[in-house]
Amino acid sequence: MPHPTPEPSGLEWIEGGHVTTPAGFVAGGTYAGIKTYGDDPRLDVGILGGTGPLTVAGIFTKNAVTGVSVTWDKSVLAERRLVRGLVCNSGNANTVTGAQGERDCARIAALAAARLGCDARDVLVASTGVIGRLLPMEKVERGLSEVALAADGGLRFARAIMTTDTHEKQAAARITAGGRTYIVAMSGWIIPAPLAQPPTV
């Protein structure tokens, strides 16, 4: 993906870098049959985990209507700043789904936690896609059991959180500061403007 120029001093982009480029992360993604659109490989369930506790922070939408996963993540971060991972799905946002959506979100966190060897409240959840429909939990559960976690699984994770994106969004860079070198990475999705009415952050 293109990067802004000129580059900041001490920064080096890593060719082919992704969210598991830094040491201590594993990830993976698979197709569970949730998402009915997009190009192949049409992955729609992913897990990102750390080999140890991860320090986290969150920036959330300011929209009046938010998904169940946003509510879950806010409550997790209100309790703690260390988690073990993130589970995501695309194709269904689990938004405006009531009490059943809340139960489904908790179940997804618990299933991902079992894969990562931690408690459900140590897992953040991200769901994106169509609103107003219940998650097809049988497909989600099967998909989470099939995700192969690996140190080179960042690309599959990035594809698993794509909605209407035409390609995965990911990058990694090596930064030198204070005599030490760090690797930072990101993976995410971009929501088209008509789907993300302001105010959002």
C-alpha atoms as a PDB file:
ATOM      1  CA  MET A   1       0.000   0.000   0.000  1.00  0.00           C
ATOM      2  CA  PRO A   2       1.266   3.564  -0.626  1.00  0.00           C
ATOM      3  CA  HIS A   3       2.917   5.443   2.243  1.00  0.00           C
ATOM      4  CA  PRO A   4       3.197   9.192   2.838  1.00  0.00           C
ATOM      5  CA  THR A   5       6.468  10.925   1.989  1.00  0.00           C
ATOM      6  CA  PRO A   6       8.873  12.143   3.153  1.00  0.00           C
ATOM      7  CA  GLU A   7       9.390   9.385   5.708  1.00  0.00           C
ATOM      8  CA  PRO A   8       9.854  10.417   9.343  1.00  0.00           C
ATOM      9  CA  SER A   9      13.391  10.130  10.639  1.00  0.00           C
ATOM     10  CA  GLY A  10      14.128   6.681  12.053  1.00  0.00           C
ATOM     11  CA  LEU A  11      11.207   4.958  10.304  1.00  0.00           C
ATOM     12  CA  GLU A  12      11.560   2.095   7.822  1.00  0.00           C
ATOM     13  CA  TRP A  13       8.534   0.448   6.204  1.00  0.00           C
ATOM     14  CA  ILE A  14       8.701  -3.356   6.185  1.00  0.00           C
ATOM     15  CA  GLU A  15       7.842  -4.820   2.798  1.00  0.00           C
ATOM     16  CA  GLY A  16       4.933  -7.232   3.124  1.00  0.00           C
ATOM     17  CA  GLY A  17       4.542  -6.384   6.796  1.00  0.00           C
ATOM     18  CA  HIS A  18       1.340  -7.208   8.637  1.00  0.00           C
ATOM     19  CA  VAL A  19      -0.145  -7.362  12.112  1.00  0.00           C
ATOM     20  CA  THR A  20       1.907 -10.401  13.158  1.00  0.00           C
ATOM     21  CA  THR A  21       5.213  -9.002  11.927  1.00  0.00           C
ATOM     22  CA  PRO A  22       6.137  -7.917  15.497  1.00  0.00           C
ATOM     23  CA  ALA A  23       7.321 -10.799  17.668  1.00  0.00           C
ATOM     24  CA  GLY A  24       4.842 -12.339  20.079  1.00  0.00           C
ATOM     25  CA  PHE A  25       1.705 -12.369  17.913  1.00  0.00           C
ATOM     26  CA  VAL A  26      -0.247 -15.096  16.138  1.00  0.00           C
ATOM     27  CA  ALA A  27      -3.263 -14.735  13.883  1.00  0.00           C
ATOM     28  CA  GLY A  28      -5.368 -16.479  11.318  1.00  0.00           C
ATOM     29  CA  GLY A  29      -8.577 -16.335   9.337  1.00  0.00           C
ATOM     30  CA  THR A  30     -10.996 -18.660   7.599  1.00  0.00           C
ATOM     31  CA  TYR A  31     -14.232 -18.663   5.626  1.00  0.00           C
ATOM     32  CA  ALA A  32     -17.206 -19.674   7.750  1.00  0.00           C
ATOM     33  CA  GLY A  33     -19.935 -18.780   5.268  1.00  0.00           C
ATOM     34  CA  ILE A  34     -21.091 -15.534   6.903  1.00  0.00           C
ATOM     35  CA  LYS A  35     -20.047 -13.165   4.126  1.00  0.00           C
ATOM     36  CA  THR A  36     -21.820 -13.549   0.806  1.00  0.00           C
ATOM     37  CA  TYR A  37     -19.953 -10.869  -1.146  1.00  0.00           C
ATOM     38  CA  GLY A  38     -16.391  -9.901  -2.031  1.00  0.00           C
ATOM     39  CA  ASP A  39     -13.540 -11.537  -3.900  1.00  0.00           C
ATOM     40  CA  ASP A  40     -11.969 -14.866  -3.022  1.00  0.00           C
ATOM     41  CA  PRO A  41     -10.450 -15.824  -0.713  1.00  0.00           C
ATOM     42  CA  ARG A  42     -13.615 -14.618   1.029  1.00  0.00           C
ATOM     43  CA  LEU A  43     -12.470 -14.976   4.646  1.00  0.00           C
ATOM     44  CA  ASP A  44     -14.907 -13.813   7.327  1.00  0.00           C
ATOM     45  CA  VAL A  45     -13.718 -15.036  10.752  1.00  0.00           C
ATOM     46  CA  GLY A  46     -10.350 -14.190  12.280  1.00  0.00           C
ATOM     47  CA  ILE A  47      -8.419 -14.324  15.530  1.00  0.00           C
ATOM     48  CA  LEU A  48      -5.430 -12.222  16.582  1.00  0.00           C
ATOM     49  CA  GLY A  49      -3.636 -13.191  19.775  1.00  0.00           C
ATOM     50  CA  GLY A  50      -0.563 -12.519  21.816  1.00  0.00           C
ATOM     51  CA  THR A  51       1.724 -15.123  23.301  1.00  0.00           C
ATOM     52  CA  GLY A  52       1.377 -13.111  26.514  1.00  0.00           C
ATOM     53  CA  PRO A  53      -0.759 -10.268  27.912  1.00  0.00           C
ATOM     54  CA  LEU A  54      -1.207  -7.274  25.592  1.00  0.00           C
ATOM     55  CA  THR A  55      -1.586  -3.669  26.703  1.00  0.00           C
ATOM     56  CA  VAL A  56      -4.551  -2.129  24.882  1.00  0.00           C
ATOM     57  CA  ALA A  57      -6.513   1.084  24.453  1.00  0.00           C
ATOM     58  CA  GLY A  58      -9.651   1.803  22.466  1.00  0.00           C
ATOM     59  CA  ILE A  59     -11.122   4.568  20.324  1.00  0.00           C
ATOM     60  CA  PHE A  60     -14.805   4.034  19.605  1.00  0.00           C
ATOM     61  CA  THR A  61     -17.509   5.426  17.349  1.00  0.00           C
ATOM     62  CA  LYS A  62     -19.660   8.254  18.682  1.00  0.00           C
ATOM     63  CA  ASN A  63     -22.690   7.101  16.698  1.00  0.00           C
ATOM     64  CA  ALA A  64     -25.890   6.748  18.757  1.00  0.00           C
ATOM     65  CA  VAL A  65     -26.425   3.207  17.453  1.00  0.00           C
ATOM     66  CA  THR A  66     -23.474   0.895  17.995  1.00  0.00           C
ATOM     67  CA  GLY A  67     -22.812  -2.790  17.597  1.00  0.00           C
ATOM     68  CA  VAL A  68     -22.857  -5.279  20.452  1.00  0.00           C
ATOM     69  CA  SER A  69     -19.118  -5.804  20.055  1.00  0.00           C
ATOM     70  CA  VAL A  70     -18.507  -2.108  20.780  1.00  0.00           C
ATOM     71  CA  THR A  71     -20.456  -2.388  24.034  1.00  0.00           C
ATOM     72  CA  TRP A  72     -18.518  -5.548  24.940  1.00  0.00           C
ATOM     73  CA  ASP A  73     -15.142  -3.953  24.234  1.00  0.00           C
ATOM     74  CA  LYS A  74     -15.955  -0.804  26.187  1.00  0.00           C
ATOM     75  CA  SER A  75     -16.898  -2.898  29.209  1.00  0.00           C
ATOM     76  CA  VAL A  76     -13.709  -4.969  28.931  1.00  0.00           C
ATOM     77  CA  LEU A  77     -11.518  -1.870  28.742  1.00  0.00           C
ATOM     78  CA  ALA A  78     -13.341  -0.336  31.682  1.00  0.00           C
ATOM     79  CA  GLU A  79     -12.117  -3.318  33.737  1.00  0.00           C
ATOM     80  CA  ARG A  80      -8.587  -3.838  32.457  1.00  0.00           C
ATOM     81  CA  ARG A  81      -5.817  -2.668  30.175  1.00  0.00           C
ATOM     82  CA  LEU A  82      -4.344  -6.109  29.520  1.00  0.00           C
ATOM     83  CA  VAL A  83      -6.007  -8.598  27.150  1.00  0.00           C
ATOM     84  CA  ARG A  84      -4.902 -11.663  25.218  1.00  0.00           C
ATOM     85  CA  GLY A  85      -6.457 -11.127  21.834  1.00  0.00           C
ATOM     86  CA  LEU A  86      -9.126  -9.997  19.388  1.00  0.00           C
ATOM     87  CA  VAL A  87     -11.719 -12.041  17.514  1.00  0.00           C
ATOM     88  CA  CYS A  88     -13.447 -10.633  14.458  1.00  0.00           C
ATOM     89  CA  ASN A  89     -16.035 -11.461  11.879  1.00  0.00           C
ATOM     90  CA  SER A  90     -17.172  -9.727   8.708  1.00  0.00           C
ATOM     91  CA  GLY A  91     -20.467  -9.949   6.861  1.00  0.00           C
ATOM     92  CA  ASN A  92     -22.603  -9.327   9.950  1.00  0.00           C
ATOM     93  CA  ALA A  93     -22.210  -6.390  12.355  1.00  0.00           C
ATOM     94  CA  ASN A  94     -24.275  -7.901  15.207  1.00  0.00           C
ATOM     95  CA  THR A  95     -25.976  -4.516  15.558  1.00  0.00           C
ATOM     96  CA  VAL A  96     -29.595  -3.943  16.608  1.00  0.00           C
ATOM     97  CA  THR A  97     -29.838  -7.606  17.594  1.00  0.00           C
ATOM     98  CA  GLY A  98     -31.027  -7.269  21.209  1.00  0.00           C
ATOM     99  CA  ALA A  99     -30.337  -9.713  24.011  1.00  0.00           C
ATOM    100  CA  GLN A 100     -29.593 -12.564  21.606  1.00  0.00           C
ATOM    101  CA  GLY A 101     -26.860 -10.477  19.999  1.00  0.00           C
ATOM    102  CA  GLU A 102     -25.335  -9.891  23.422  1.00  0.00           C
ATOM    103  CA  ARG A 103     -25.335 -13.621  24.150  1.00  0.00           C
ATOM    104  CA  ASP A 104     -23.795 -14.336  20.757  1.00  0.00           C
ATOM    105  CA  CYS A 105     -21.026 -11.787  21.345  1.00  0.00           C
ATOM    106  CA  ALA A 106     -20.181 -13.340  24.718  1.00  0.00           C
ATOM    107  CA  ARG A 107     -20.159 -16.787  23.098  1.00  0.00           C
ATOM    108  CA  ILE A 108     -17.770 -15.633  20.374  1.00  0.00           C
ATOM    109  CA  ALA A 109     -15.410 -14.211  22.998  1.00  0.00           C
ATOM    110  CA  ALA A 110     -15.547 -17.470  24.955  1.00  0.00           C
ATOM    111  CA  LEU A 111     -14.799 -19.574  21.867  1.00  0.00           C
ATOM    112  CA  ALA A 112     -11.845 -17.376  20.908  1.00  0.00           C
ATOM    113  CA  ALA A 113     -10.639 -17.442  24.520  1.00  0.00           C
ATOM    114  CA  ALA A 114     -10.599 -21.237  24.400  1.00  0.00           C
ATOM    115  CA  ARG A 115      -8.329 -21.049  21.349  1.00  0.00           C
ATOM    116  CA  LEU A 116      -6.026 -18.551  23.086  1.00  0.00           C
ATOM    117  CA  GLY A 117      -6.025 -20.236  26.490  1.00  0.00           C
ATOM    118  CA  CYS A 118      -7.560 -17.367  28.450  1.00  0.00           C
ATOM    119  CA  ASP A 119     -10.801 -16.042  29.924  1.00  0.00           C
ATOM    120  CA  ALA A 120     -13.556 -14.641  27.680  1.00  0.00           C
ATOM    121  CA  ARG A 121     -13.139 -11.224  29.299  1.00  0.00           C
ATOM    122  CA  ASP A 122      -9.540 -11.213  28.063  1.00  0.00           C
ATOM    123  CA  VAL A 123     -10.757 -11.108  24.448  1.00  0.00           C
ATOM    124  CA  LEU A 124     -11.967  -8.094  22.469  1.00  0.00           C
ATOM    125  CA  VAL A 125     -14.593  -8.603  19.763  1.00  0.00           C
ATOM    126  CA  ALA A 126     -15.093  -6.833  16.414  1.00  0.00           C
ATOM    127  CA  SER A 127     -18.056  -7.502  14.120  1.00  0.00           C
ATOM    128  CA  THR A 128     -18.611  -5.628  10.858  1.00  0.00           C
ATOM    129  CA  GLY A 129     -21.076  -5.933   7.998  1.00  0.00           C
ATOM    130  CA  VAL A 130     -24.842  -6.042   7.614  1.00  0.00           C
ATOM    131  CA  ILE A 131     -26.886  -4.666  10.536  1.00  0.00           C
ATOM    132  CA  GLY A 132     -30.166  -5.892  11.983  1.00  0.00           C
ATOM    133  CA  ARG A 133     -29.534  -9.603  11.465  1.00  0.00           C
ATOM    134  CA  LEU A 134     -28.574 -12.204  14.045  1.00  0.00           C
ATOM    135  CA  LEU A 135     -25.225 -13.853  13.586  1.00  0.00           C
ATOM    136  CA  PRO A 136     -25.354 -17.368  12.092  1.00  0.00           C
ATOM    137  CA  MET A 137     -23.736 -18.810  15.195  1.00  0.00           C
ATOM    138  CA  GLU A 138     -23.384 -22.357  13.899  1.00  0.00           C
ATOM    139  CA  LYS A 139     -21.211 -21.031  11.086  1.00  0.00           C
ATOM    140  CA  VAL A 140     -19.306 -18.700  13.411  1.00  0.00           C
ATOM    141  CA  GLU A 141     -18.570 -21.494  15.865  1.00  0.00           C
ATOM    142  CA  ARG A 142     -17.363 -23.801  13.121  1.00  0.00           C
ATOM    143  CA  GLY A 143     -15.189 -21.066  11.669  1.00  0.00           C
ATOM    144  CA  LEU A 144     -13.561 -20.223  15.000  1.00  0.00           C
ATOM    145  CA  SER A 145     -12.672 -23.876  15.503  1.00  0.00           C
ATOM    146  CA  GLU A 146     -11.019 -23.953  12.054  1.00  0.00           C
ATOM    147  CA  VAL A 147      -8.876 -20.795  12.293  1.00  0.00           C
ATOM    148  CA  ALA A 148      -5.217 -21.825  12.105  1.00  0.00           C
ATOM    149  CA  LEU A 149      -3.210 -19.498  14.348  1.00  0.00           C
ATOM    150  CA  ALA A 150       0.318 -18.811  13.131  1.00  0.00           C
ATOM    151  CA  ALA A 151       3.042 -16.191  13.352  1.00  0.00           C
ATOM    152  CA  ASP A 152       2.588 -15.541   9.614  1.00  0.00           C
ATOM    153  CA  GLY A 153      -1.224 -15.402   9.778  1.00  0.00           C
ATOM    154  CA  GLY A 154      -1.539 -11.610   9.618  1.00  0.00           C
ATOM    155  CA  LEU A 155      -2.649 -11.523   5.972  1.00  0.00           C
ATOM    156  CA  ARG A 156      -5.466 -14.010   6.555  1.00  0.00           C
ATOM    157  CA  PHE A 157      -6.597 -12.019   9.586  1.00  0.00           C
ATOM    158  CA  ALA A 158      -6.613  -8.808   7.521  1.00  0.00           C
ATOM    159  CA  ARG A 159      -8.754 -10.461   4.860  1.00  0.00           C
ATOM    160  CA  ALA A 160     -11.168 -11.762   7.503  1.00  0.00           C
ATOM    161  CA  ILE A 161     -12.151  -8.227   8.539  1.00  0.00           C
ATOM    162  CA  MET A 162     -12.767  -6.897   5.032  1.00  0.00           C
ATOM    163  CA  THR A 163     -16.297  -5.814   4.139  1.00  0.00           C
ATOM    164  CA  THR A 164     -16.615  -3.848   0.895  1.00  0.00           C
ATOM    165  CA  ASP A 165     -12.864  -3.208   0.792  1.00  0.00           C
ATOM    166  CA  THR A 166     -11.167  -4.086  -2.485  1.00  0.00           C
ATOM    167  CA  HIS A 167      -7.960  -5.186  -0.766  1.00  0.00           C
ATOM    168  CA  GLU A 168      -6.670  -5.814   2.729  1.00  0.00           C
ATOM    169  CA  LYS A 169      -5.385  -2.906   4.839  1.00  0.00           C
ATOM    170  CA  GLN A 170      -2.167  -3.707   6.650  1.00  0.00           C
ATOM    171  CA  ALA A 171       1.291  -2.290   7.259  1.00  0.00           C
ATOM    172  CA  ALA A 172       4.316  -2.669   9.508  1.00  0.00           C
ATOM    173  CA  ALA A 173       7.282  -0.423  10.154  1.00  0.00           C
ATOM    174  CA  ARG A 174      10.571  -0.488  12.057  1.00  0.00           C
ATOM    175  CA  ILE A 175      11.105   2.603  14.213  1.00  0.00           C
ATOM    176  CA  THR A 176      14.303   3.638  15.957  1.00  0.00           C
ATOM    177  CA  ALA A 177      13.979   6.002  18.914  1.00  0.00           C
ATOM    178  CA  GLY A 178      16.065   6.590  22.012  1.00  0.00           C
ATOM    179  CA  GLY A 179      18.665   4.116  20.870  1.00  0.00           C
ATOM    180  CA  ARG A 180      16.133   1.287  20.632  1.00  0.00           C
ATOM    181  CA  THR A 181      14.343  -0.278  17.655  1.00  0.00           C
ATOM    182  CA  TYR A 182      10.648  -1.143  17.664  1.00  0.00           C
ATOM    183  CA  ILE A 183       8.320  -2.777  15.164  1.00  0.00           C
ATOM    184  CA  VAL A 184       4.778  -1.416  14.902  1.00  0.00           C
ATOM    185  CA  ALA A 185       1.995  -2.853  12.785  1.00  0.00           C
ATOM    186  CA  MET A 186      -1.647  -2.306  11.910  1.00  0.00           C
ATOM    187  CA  SER A 187      -4.490  -4.137  10.280  1.00  0.00           C
ATOM    188  CA  GLY A 188      -7.953  -2.709   9.725  1.00  0.00           C
ATOM    189  CA  TRP A 189     -10.798  -1.863   7.439  1.00  0.00           C
ATOM    190  CA  ILE A 190     -12.113   1.298   5.833  1.00  0.00           C
ATOM    191  CA  ILE A 191     -15.856   1.989   5.849  1.00  0.00           C
ATOM    192  CA  PRO A 192     -17.222   3.869   2.814  1.00  0.00           C
ATOM    193  CA  ALA A 193     -18.533   7.327   3.730  1.00  0.00           C
ATOM    194  CA  PRO A 194     -22.237   6.501   3.149  1.00  0.00           C
ATOM    195  CA  LEU A 195     -21.951   3.728   5.756  1.00  0.00           C
ATOM    196  CA  ALA A 196     -20.175   5.859   8.365  1.00  0.00           C
ATOM    197  CA  GLN A 197     -22.134   9.004   8.948  1.00  0.00           C
ATOM    198  CA  PRO A 198     -20.437  11.563  11.231  1.00  0.00           C
ATOM    199  CA  PRO A 199     -19.697  11.978  14.016  1.00  0.00           C
ATOM    200  CA  THR A 200     -17.299   9.028  14.156  1.00  0.00           C
ATOM    201  CA  VAL A 201     -13.681   8.612  15.214  1.00  0.00           C
END
